[in-house]
Amino acid sequence: MLEPQISTFNVCDFLHKRYIEGNPEAEAYCIEERERVLLGGDLYRLREQAGWTHEQLAARVGATAMEIERLEDADYEEIPLSLFRKIADVLKARLEIRLRPVEYDEP
């Protein structure tokens, strides 16, 4: 019995090429969203590793639990860098802010 041949492709690559690539506004939006999602995920993992609730971390950095939740959900526009520094300090983490050439593409 022959197995059916199934053609697969990377849907993300397809969507990127079709709707984002070559559109500077869409590319900028995707970069910004990616940065927020990665930072939110890092914050979530570090808070969970510390065994703290949103409320506990918020109390330690002088924020509200809702602010911490929004950071983890990448649902924010502008958060002061000083808050990220406080969070990094209490979680014993290093805050890294880098500028890279546009051509640079992290894996």
Protein backbone atom coordinates (compact mmCIF):
# COMPACT_ATOMS: atom_id res chain seq x y z
CA MET A 1 0.00 0.00 0.00
CA LEU A 2 1.36 3.40 -0.99
CA GLU A 3 1.29 6.23 1.51
CA PRO A 4 -0.21 9.46 0.19
CA GLN A 5 2.28 12.18 -0.63
CA ILE A 6 1.49 15.21 1.49
CA SER A 7 3.08 18.49 0.59
CA THR A 8 3.79 20.69 3.56
CA PHE A 9 5.11 24.21 3.77
CA ASN A 10 5.70 26.73 6.49
CA VAL A 11 2.48 28.70 6.82
CA CYS A 12 4.21 31.53 8.67
CA ASP A 13 6.70 31.96 5.83
CA PHE A 14 3.88 31.95 3.30
CA LEU A 15 1.86 34.56 5.20
CA HIS A 16 4.93 36.70 5.77
CA LYS A 17 5.83 36.70 2.08
CA ARG A 18 2.26 37.33 1.02
CA TYR A 19 1.16 40.04 3.46
CA ILE A 20 4.18 41.50 5.24
CA GLU A 21 7.35 41.34 3.18
CA GLY A 22 7.88 44.54 1.26
CA ASN A 23 5.34 46.45 3.36
CA PRO A 24 7.39 48.67 5.70
CA GLU A 25 4.44 49.46 7.95
CA ALA A 26 3.50 45.79 8.38
CA GLU A 27 7.15 44.81 8.91
CA ALA A 28 7.60 47.44 11.64
CA TYR A 29 4.39 46.29 13.33
CA CYS A 30 5.52 42.64 13.30
CA ILE A 31 8.91 43.51 14.77
CA GLU A 32 7.32 45.52 17.56
CA GLU A 33 4.80 42.78 18.36
CA ARG A 34 7.51 40.11 18.35
CA GLU A 35 9.60 42.11 20.81
CA ARG A 36 6.64 42.55 23.15
CA VAL A 37 5.67 38.88 23.00
CA LEU A 38 9.24 37.74 23.70
CA LEU A 39 9.62 40.15 26.61
CA GLY A 40 6.23 39.16 28.03
CA GLY A 41 7.14 35.48 27.81
CA ASP A 42 10.46 36.09 29.55
CA LEU A 43 8.70 38.00 32.33
CA TYR A 44 6.10 35.25 32.76
CA ARG A 45 8.75 32.50 32.98
CA LEU A 46 10.91 34.39 35.48
CA ARG A 47 7.92 35.30 37.67
CA GLU A 48 6.71 31.70 37.65
CA GLN A 49 10.22 30.41 38.47
CA ALA A 50 10.28 32.78 41.44
CA GLY A 51 6.92 31.34 42.52
CA TRP A 52 5.29 34.78 42.68
CA THR A 53 1.81 35.89 41.72
CA HIS A 54 1.19 39.03 39.71
CA GLU A 55 0.28 40.75 42.96
CA GLN A 56 3.48 39.69 44.71
CA LEU A 57 5.73 40.90 41.90
CA ALA A 58 3.76 44.12 41.57
CA ALA A 59 4.15 44.87 45.28
CA ARG A 60 7.93 44.37 45.01
CA VAL A 61 8.31 46.78 42.08
CA GLY A 62 5.71 49.40 42.99
CA ALA A 63 3.27 48.53 40.22
CA THR A 64 -0.21 47.07 40.02
CA ALA A 65 -0.98 43.43 39.33
CA MET A 66 -2.82 44.58 36.20
CA GLU A 67 0.37 46.24 34.89
CA ILE A 68 2.31 43.01 35.38
CA GLU A 69 -0.43 41.00 33.65
CA ARG A 70 -0.46 43.43 30.73
CA LEU A 71 3.31 43.17 30.37
CA GLU A 72 3.11 39.37 30.27
CA ASP A 73 0.28 39.49 27.72
CA ALA A 74 2.23 42.00 25.58
CA ASP A 75 -0.80 44.25 25.90
CA TYR A 76 0.87 47.60 26.41
CA GLU A 77 2.02 50.56 24.41
CA GLU A 78 4.44 52.37 26.65
CA ILE A 79 5.86 51.17 29.93
CA PRO A 80 8.65 53.15 31.56
CA LEU A 81 12.07 51.57 31.23
CA SER A 82 12.47 52.16 34.96
CA LEU A 83 9.70 49.59 35.62
CA PHE A 84 11.49 46.97 33.51
CA ARG A 85 14.69 47.72 35.45
CA LYS A 86 12.91 47.23 38.77
CA ILE A 87 11.36 43.97 37.57
CA ALA A 88 14.73 42.70 36.36
CA ASP A 89 16.30 43.65 39.69
CA VAL A 90 13.76 41.86 41.90
CA LEU A 91 13.73 38.79 39.63
CA LYS A 92 17.54 38.76 39.62
CA ALA A 93 17.55 39.00 35.84
CA ARG A 94 19.50 41.04 33.34
CA LEU A 95 17.58 43.52 31.21
CA GLU A 96 19.10 43.69 27.74
CA ILE A 97 18.22 46.43 25.31
CA ARG A 98 19.94 46.22 21.96
CA LEU A 99 19.89 48.02 18.67
CA ARG A 100 20.56 45.81 15.69
CA PRO A 101 20.78 46.58 12.00
CA VAL A 102 17.56 45.88 10.17
CA GLU A 103 19.26 43.07 8.24
CA TYR A 104 19.95 41.22 11.50
CA ASP A 105 17.54 38.32 11.93
CA GLU A 106 17.60 36.36 15.17
CA PRO A 107 16.74 32.66 15.01
